[in-house]
Amino acid sequence: MITQIGIVAGEIWHHLDQHGEVTFTQLLKGIEQPRDIALMSVGWLAREGHVVVKGEGQEYRVWLRKG
């Protein structure tokens, strides 16, 4: 499973690089991966400092950390 999480993390990184800041819902539609794997992958990227995740009400926004 760790391999799948890493692969999806790469897909997320590429999606954010191309599209910039998105909601988590938009991200899920863009990468077409299971929600649970996408959540784990976003967590991995956030823990490593590659993405920023910000809660806005019932939704989350995700974008690449620059710099």
PDB file of N, CA and C in Angstrom:
ATOM      1  N   MET A   1       0.819  -1.193   0.000  1.00  0.00           N
ATOM      2  CA  MET A   1       0.000   0.000   0.000  1.00  0.00           C
ATOM      3  C   MET A   1       0.863   1.256   0.000  1.00  0.00           C
ATOM      4  N   ILE A   2       2.016   1.224   0.636  1.00  0.00           N
ATOM      5  CA  ILE A   2       2.876   2.407   0.692  1.00  0.00           C
ATOM      6  C   ILE A   2       3.308   2.828  -0.714  1.00  0.00           C
ATOM      7  N   THR A   3       3.485   1.857  -1.604  1.00  0.00           N
ATOM      8  CA  THR A   3       3.840   2.181  -2.985  1.00  0.00           C
ATOM      9  C   THR A   3       2.703   2.928  -3.667  1.00  0.00           C
ATOM     10  N   GLN A   4       1.474   2.464  -3.475  1.00  0.00           N
ATOM     11  CA  GLN A   4       0.308   3.115  -4.074  1.00  0.00           C
ATOM     12  C   GLN A   4       0.149   4.542  -3.541  1.00  0.00           C
ATOM     13  N   ILE A   5       0.350   4.731  -2.247  1.00  0.00           N
ATOM     14  CA  ILE A   5       0.268   6.070  -1.654  1.00  0.00           C
ATOM     15  C   ILE A   5       1.321   6.982  -2.280  1.00  0.00           C
ATOM     16  N   GLY A   6       2.518   6.475  -2.464  1.00  0.00           N
ATOM     17  CA  GLY A   6       3.579   7.262  -3.081  1.00  0.00           C
ATOM     18  C   GLY A   6       3.281   7.616  -4.529  1.00  0.00           C
ATOM     19  N   ILE A   7       2.718   6.681  -5.276  1.00  0.00           N
ATOM     20  CA  ILE A   7       2.361   6.946  -6.668  1.00  0.00           C
ATOM     21  C   ILE A   7       1.282   8.018  -6.748  1.00  0.00           C
ATOM     22  N   VAL A   8       0.269   7.906  -5.903  1.00  0.00           N
ATOM     23  CA  VAL A   8      -0.808   8.898  -5.889  1.00  0.00           C
ATOM     24  C   VAL A   8      -0.274  10.251  -5.418  1.00  0.00           C
ATOM     25  N   ALA A   9       0.657  10.256  -4.479  1.00  0.00           N
ATOM     26  CA  ALA A   9       1.273  11.516  -4.052  1.00  0.00           C
ATOM     27  C   ALA A   9       1.934  12.211  -5.240  1.00  0.00           C
ATOM     28  N   GLY A  10       2.584  11.440  -6.089  1.00  0.00           N
ATOM     29  CA  GLY A  10       3.183  12.001  -7.293  1.00  0.00           C
ATOM     30  C   GLY A  10       2.140  12.575  -8.236  1.00  0.00           C
ATOM     31  N   GLU A  11       1.022  11.877  -8.395  1.00  0.00           N
ATOM     32  CA  GLU A  11      -0.070  12.374  -9.235  1.00  0.00           C
ATOM     33  C   GLU A  11      -0.627  13.682  -8.665  1.00  0.00           C
ATOM     34  N   ILE A  12      -0.763  13.735  -7.355  1.00  0.00           N
ATOM     35  CA  ILE A  12      -1.260  14.953  -6.704  1.00  0.00           C
ATOM     36  C   ILE A  12      -0.289  16.099  -6.929  1.00  0.00           C
ATOM     37  N   TRP A  13       0.989  15.847  -6.740  1.00  0.00           N
ATOM     38  CA  TRP A  13       1.992  16.894  -6.938  1.00  0.00           C
ATOM     39  C   TRP A  13       1.913  17.451  -8.359  1.00  0.00           C
ATOM     40  N   HIS A  14       1.831  16.560  -9.345  1.00  0.00           N
ATOM     41  CA  HIS A  14       1.754  17.003 -10.744  1.00  0.00           C
ATOM     42  C   HIS A  14       0.463  17.776 -11.010  1.00  0.00           C
ATOM     43  N   HIS A  15      -0.641  17.317 -10.449  1.00  0.00           N
ATOM     44  CA  HIS A  15      -1.916  18.017 -10.632  1.00  0.00           C
ATOM     45  C   HIS A  15      -1.840  19.431 -10.053  1.00  0.00           C
ATOM     46  N   LEU A  16      -1.294  19.555  -8.860  1.00  0.00           N
ATOM     47  CA  LEU A  16      -1.179  20.873  -8.236  1.00  0.00           C
ATOM     48  C   LEU A  16      -0.193  21.759  -8.980  1.00  0.00           C
ATOM     49  N   ASP A  17       0.851  21.174  -9.517  1.00  0.00           N
ATOM     50  CA  ASP A  17       1.822  21.947 -10.295  1.00  0.00           C
ATOM     51  C   ASP A  17       1.162  22.537 -11.548  1.00  0.00           C
ATOM     52  N   GLN A  18       0.246  21.786 -12.140  1.00  0.00           N
ATOM     53  CA  GLN A  18      -0.436  22.241 -13.353  1.00  0.00           C
ATOM     54  C   GLN A  18      -1.610  23.167 -13.068  1.00  0.00           C
ATOM     55  N   HIS A  19      -2.331  22.944 -11.965  1.00  0.00           N
ATOM     56  CA  HIS A  19      -3.584  23.649 -11.708  1.00  0.00           C
ATOM     57  C   HIS A  19      -3.534  24.650 -10.559  1.00  0.00           C
ATOM     58  N   GLY A  20      -2.479  24.650  -9.789  1.00  0.00           N
ATOM     59  CA  GLY A  20      -2.396  25.568  -8.661  1.00  0.00           C
ATOM     60  C   GLY A  20      -3.309  25.149  -7.524  1.00  0.00           C
ATOM     61  N   GLU A  21      -3.744  26.111  -6.749  1.00  0.00           N
ATOM     62  CA  GLU A  21      -4.578  25.847  -5.568  1.00  0.00           C
ATOM     63  C   GLU A  21      -5.939  25.290  -5.980  1.00  0.00           C
ATOM     64  N   VAL A  22      -6.339  24.193  -5.337  1.00  0.00           N
ATOM     65  CA  VAL A  22      -7.627  23.558  -5.633  1.00  0.00           C
ATOM     66  C   VAL A  22      -8.285  23.123  -4.335  1.00  0.00           C
ATOM     67  N   THR A  23      -9.589  22.884  -4.392  1.00  0.00           N
ATOM     68  CA  THR A  23     -10.256  22.269  -3.256  1.00  0.00           C
ATOM     69  C   THR A  23      -9.953  20.774  -3.292  1.00  0.00           C
ATOM     70  N   PHE A  24     -10.156  20.115  -2.166  1.00  0.00           N
ATOM     71  CA  PHE A  24      -9.910  18.673  -2.137  1.00  0.00           C
ATOM     72  C   PHE A  24     -10.865  17.962  -3.091  1.00  0.00           C
ATOM     73  N   THR A  25     -12.099  18.452  -3.189  1.00  0.00           N
ATOM     74  CA  THR A  25     -13.071  17.872  -4.115  1.00  0.00           C
ATOM     75  C   THR A  25     -12.583  17.984  -5.552  1.00  0.00           C
ATOM     76  N   GLN A  26     -12.063  19.146  -5.930  1.00  0.00           N
ATOM     77  CA  GLN A  26     -11.518  19.335  -7.276  1.00  0.00           C
ATOM     78  C   GLN A  26     -10.322  18.415  -7.504  1.00  0.00           C
ATOM     79  N   LEU A  27      -9.493  18.275  -6.479  1.00  0.00           N
ATOM     80  CA  LEU A  27      -8.324  17.401  -6.581  1.00  0.00           C
ATOM     81  C   LEU A  27      -8.755  15.966  -6.852  1.00  0.00           C
ATOM     82  N   LEU A  28      -9.746  15.483  -6.101  1.00  0.00           N
ATOM     83  CA  LEU A  28     -10.228  14.116  -6.293  1.00  0.00           C
ATOM     84  C   LEU A  28     -10.734  13.899  -7.715  1.00  0.00           C
ATOM     85  N   LYS A  29     -11.462  14.866  -8.242  1.00  0.00           N
ATOM     86  CA  LYS A  29     -11.964  14.751  -9.615  1.00  0.00           C
ATOM     87  C   LYS A  29     -10.813  14.760 -10.612  1.00  0.00           C
ATOM     88  N   GLY A  30      -9.779  15.541 -10.323  1.00  0.00           N
ATOM     89  CA  GLY A  30      -8.654  15.675 -11.242  1.00  0.00           C
ATOM     90  C   GLY A  30      -7.750  14.459 -11.301  1.00  0.00           C
ATOM     91  N   ILE A  31      -7.591  13.765 -10.183  1.00  0.00           N
ATOM     92  CA  ILE A  31      -6.666  12.626 -10.172  1.00  0.00           C
ATOM     93  C   ILE A  31      -7.371  11.278 -10.304  1.00  0.00           C
ATOM     94  N   GLU A  32      -8.689  11.259 -10.072  1.00  0.00           N
ATOM     95  CA  GLU A  32      -9.480  10.034 -10.214  1.00  0.00           C
ATOM     96  C   GLU A  32      -8.883   8.852  -9.449  1.00  0.00           C
ATOM     97  N   GLN A  33      -8.649   9.058  -8.164  1.00  0.00           N
ATOM     98  CA  GLN A  33      -8.130   8.015  -7.272  1.00  0.00           C
ATOM     99  C   GLN A  33      -9.080   7.886  -6.074  1.00  0.00           C
ATOM    100  N   PRO A  34      -9.052   6.758  -5.384  1.00  0.00           N
ATOM    101  CA  PRO A  34      -9.923   6.589  -4.211  1.00  0.00           C
ATOM    102  C   PRO A  34      -9.635   7.658  -3.152  1.00  0.00           C
ATOM    103  N   ARG A  35     -10.696   8.139  -2.526  1.00  0.00           N
ATOM    104  CA  ARG A  35     -10.596   9.203  -1.528  1.00  0.00           C
ATOM    105  C   ARG A  35      -9.627   8.855  -0.397  1.00  0.00           C
ATOM    106  N   ASP A  36      -9.704   7.632   0.118  1.00  0.00           N
ATOM    107  CA  ASP A  36      -8.849   7.265   1.258  1.00  0.00           C
ATOM    108  C   ASP A  36      -7.370   7.297   0.891  1.00  0.00           C
ATOM    109  N   ILE A  37      -7.027   6.818  -0.300  1.00  0.00           N
ATOM    110  CA  ILE A  37      -5.627   6.843  -0.739  1.00  0.00           C
ATOM    111  C   ILE A  37      -5.184   8.283  -0.969  1.00  0.00           C
ATOM    112  N   ALA A  38      -6.071   9.100  -1.563  1.00  0.00           N
ATOM    113  CA  ALA A  38      -5.743  10.507  -1.806  1.00  0.00           C
ATOM    114  C   ALA A  38      -5.508  11.245  -0.486  1.00  0.00           C
ATOM    115  N   LEU A  39      -6.303  10.966   0.524  1.00  0.00           N
ATOM    116  CA  LEU A  39      -6.115  11.592   1.835  1.00  0.00           C
ATOM    117  C   LEU A  39      -4.766  11.218   2.434  1.00  0.00           C
ATOM    118  N   MET A  40      -4.423   9.942   2.353  1.00  0.00           N
ATOM    119  CA  MET A  40      -3.127   9.507   2.879  1.00  0.00           C
ATOM    120  C   MET A  40      -1.982  10.154   2.107  1.00  0.00           C
ATOM    121  N   SER A  41      -2.140  10.279   0.801  1.00  0.00           N
ATOM    122  CA  SER A  41      -1.101  10.874  -0.034  1.00  0.00           C
ATOM    123  C   SER A  41      -0.933  12.363   0.246  1.00  0.00           C
ATOM    124  N   VAL A  42      -2.041  13.077   0.427  1.00  0.00           N
ATOM    125  CA  VAL A  42      -1.961  14.502   0.786  1.00  0.00           C
ATOM    126  C   VAL A  42      -1.278  14.647   2.144  1.00  0.00           C
ATOM    127  N   GLY A  43      -1.615  13.772   3.076  1.00  0.00           N
ATOM    128  CA  GLY A  43      -0.967  13.800   4.387  1.00  0.00           C
ATOM    129  C   GLY A  43       0.533  13.581   4.282  1.00  0.00           C
ATOM    130  N   TRP A  44       0.933  12.659   3.452  1.00  0.00           N
ATOM    131  CA  TRP A  44       2.356  12.388   3.217  1.00  0.00           C
ATOM    132  C   TRP A  44       3.039  13.640   2.678  1.00  0.00           C
ATOM    133  N   LEU A  45       2.438  14.238   1.639  1.00  0.00           N
ATOM    134  CA  LEU A  45       3.018  15.442   1.047  1.00  0.00           C
ATOM    135  C   LEU A  45       3.063  16.595   2.044  1.00  0.00           C
ATOM    136  N   ALA A  46       2.024  16.731   2.858  1.00  0.00           N
ATOM    137  CA  ALA A  46       1.992  17.801   3.862  1.00  0.00           C
ATOM    138  C   ALA A  46       3.075  17.570   4.920  1.00  0.00           C
ATOM    139  N   ARG A  47       3.218  16.349   5.366  1.00  0.00           N
ATOM    140  CA  ARG A  47       4.223  16.023   6.387  1.00  0.00           C
ATOM    141  C   ARG A  47       5.633  16.309   5.885  1.00  0.00           C
ATOM    142  N   GLU A  48       5.860  16.073   4.605  1.00  0.00           N
ATOM    143  CA  GLU A  48       7.181  16.328   4.020  1.00  0.00           C
ATOM    144  C   GLU A  48       7.368  17.789   3.625  1.00  0.00           C
ATOM    145  N   GLY A  49       6.321  18.612   3.817  1.00  0.00           N
ATOM    146  CA  GLY A  49       6.431  20.036   3.539  1.00  0.00           C
ATOM    147  C   GLY A  49       6.262  20.422   2.083  1.00  0.00           C
ATOM    148  N   HIS A  50       5.690  19.526   1.273  1.00  0.00           N
ATOM    149  CA  HIS A  50       5.522  19.807  -0.151  1.00  0.00           C
ATOM    150  C   HIS A  50       4.223  20.533  -0.470  1.00  0.00           C
ATOM    151  N   VAL A  51       3.200  20.353   0.374  1.00  0.00           N
ATOM    152  CA  VAL A  51       1.914  21.015   0.129  1.00  0.00           C
ATOM    153  C   VAL A  51       1.440  21.725   1.387  1.00  0.00           C
ATOM    154  N   VAL A  52       0.533  22.672   1.160  1.00  0.00           N
ATOM    155  CA  VAL A  52      -0.154  23.355   2.249  1.00  0.00           C
ATOM    156  C   VAL A  52      -1.612  22.925   2.179  1.00  0.00           C
ATOM    157  N   VAL A  53      -2.203  22.626   3.325  1.00  0.00           N
ATOM    158  CA  VAL A  53      -3.613  22.258   3.401  1.00  0.00           C
ATOM    159  C   VAL A  53      -4.279  23.238   4.352  1.00  0.00           C
ATOM    160  N   LYS A  54      -5.375  23.862   3.887  1.00  0.00           N
ATOM    161  CA  LYS A  54      -6.077  24.840   4.708  1.00  0.00           C
ATOM    162  C   LYS A  54      -7.564  24.513   4.706  1.00  0.00           C
ATOM    163  N   GLY A  55      -8.141  24.407   5.894  1.00  0.00           N
ATOM    164  CA  GLY A  55      -9.567  24.142   6.013  1.00  0.00           C
ATOM    165  C   GLY A  55     -10.371  25.409   5.816  1.00  0.00           C
ATOM    166  N   GLU A  56     -11.446  25.304   5.036  1.00  0.00           N
ATOM    167  CA  GLU A  56     -12.374  26.409   4.826  1.00  0.00           C
ATOM    168  C   GLU A  56     -13.780  25.867   4.998  1.00  0.00           C
ATOM    169  N   GLY A  57     -14.324  25.996   6.201  1.00  0.00           N
ATOM    170  CA  GLY A  57     -15.654  25.439   6.469  1.00  0.00           C
ATOM    171  C   GLY A  57     -15.641  23.926   6.355  1.00  0.00           C
ATOM    172  N   GLN A  58     -16.465  23.406   5.472  1.00  0.00           N
ATOM    173  CA  GLN A  58     -16.573  21.955   5.270  1.00  0.00           C
ATOM    174  C   GLN A  58     -15.572  21.429   4.233  1.00  0.00           C
ATOM    175  N   GLU A  59     -14.800  22.316   3.619  1.00  0.00           N
ATOM    176  CA  GLU A  59     -13.898  21.947   2.522  1.00  0.00           C
ATOM    177  C   GLU A  59     -12.449  22.265   2.898  1.00  0.00           C
ATOM    178  N   TYR A  60     -11.534  21.618   2.206  1.00  0.00           N
ATOM    179  CA  TYR A  60     -10.109  21.899   2.351  1.00  0.00           C
ATOM    180  C   TYR A  60      -9.557  22.383   1.028  1.00  0.00           C
ATOM    181  N   ARG A  61      -8.596  23.292   1.089  1.00  0.00           N
ATOM    182  CA  ARG A  61      -7.879  23.757  -0.097  1.00  0.00           C
ATOM    183  C   ARG A  61      -6.449  23.241   0.017  1.00  0.00           C
ATOM    184  N   VAL A  62      -5.885  22.873  -1.123  1.00  0.00           N
ATOM    185  CA  VAL A  62      -4.543  22.286  -1.163  1.00  0.00           C
ATOM    186  C   VAL A  62      -3.753  22.992  -2.252  1.00  0.00           C
ATOM    187  N   TRP A  63      -2.474  23.292  -1.969  1.00  0.00           N
ATOM    188  CA  TRP A  63      -1.595  23.866  -2.986  1.00  0.00           C
ATOM    189  C   TRP A  63      -0.158  23.509  -2.660  1.00  0.00           C
ATOM    190  N   LEU A  64       0.691  23.626  -3.683  1.00  0.00           N
ATOM    191  CA  LEU A  64       2.113  23.338  -3.492  1.00  0.00           C
ATOM    192  C   LEU A  64       2.780  24.451  -2.701  1.00  0.00           C
ATOM    193  N   ARG A  65       3.655  24.057  -1.806  1.00  0.00           N
ATOM    194  CA  ARG A  65       4.460  25.019  -1.055  1.00  0.00           C
ATOM    195  C   ARG A  65       5.616  25.446  -1.956  1.00  0.00           C
ATOM    196  N   LYS A  66       5.735  26.708  -2.192  1.00  0.00           N
ATOM    197  CA  LYS A  66       6.806  27.228  -3.059  1.00  0.00           C
ATOM    198  C   LYS A  66       7.976  27.691  -2.187  1.00  0.00           C
ATOM    199  N   GLY A  67       9.172  27.389  -2.633  1.00  0.00           N
ATOM    200  CA  GLY A  67      10.344  27.896  -1.950  1.00  0.00           C
ATOM    201  C   GLY A  67      10.987  26.984  -1.047  1.00  0.00           C
TER     202      GLY A  67
END
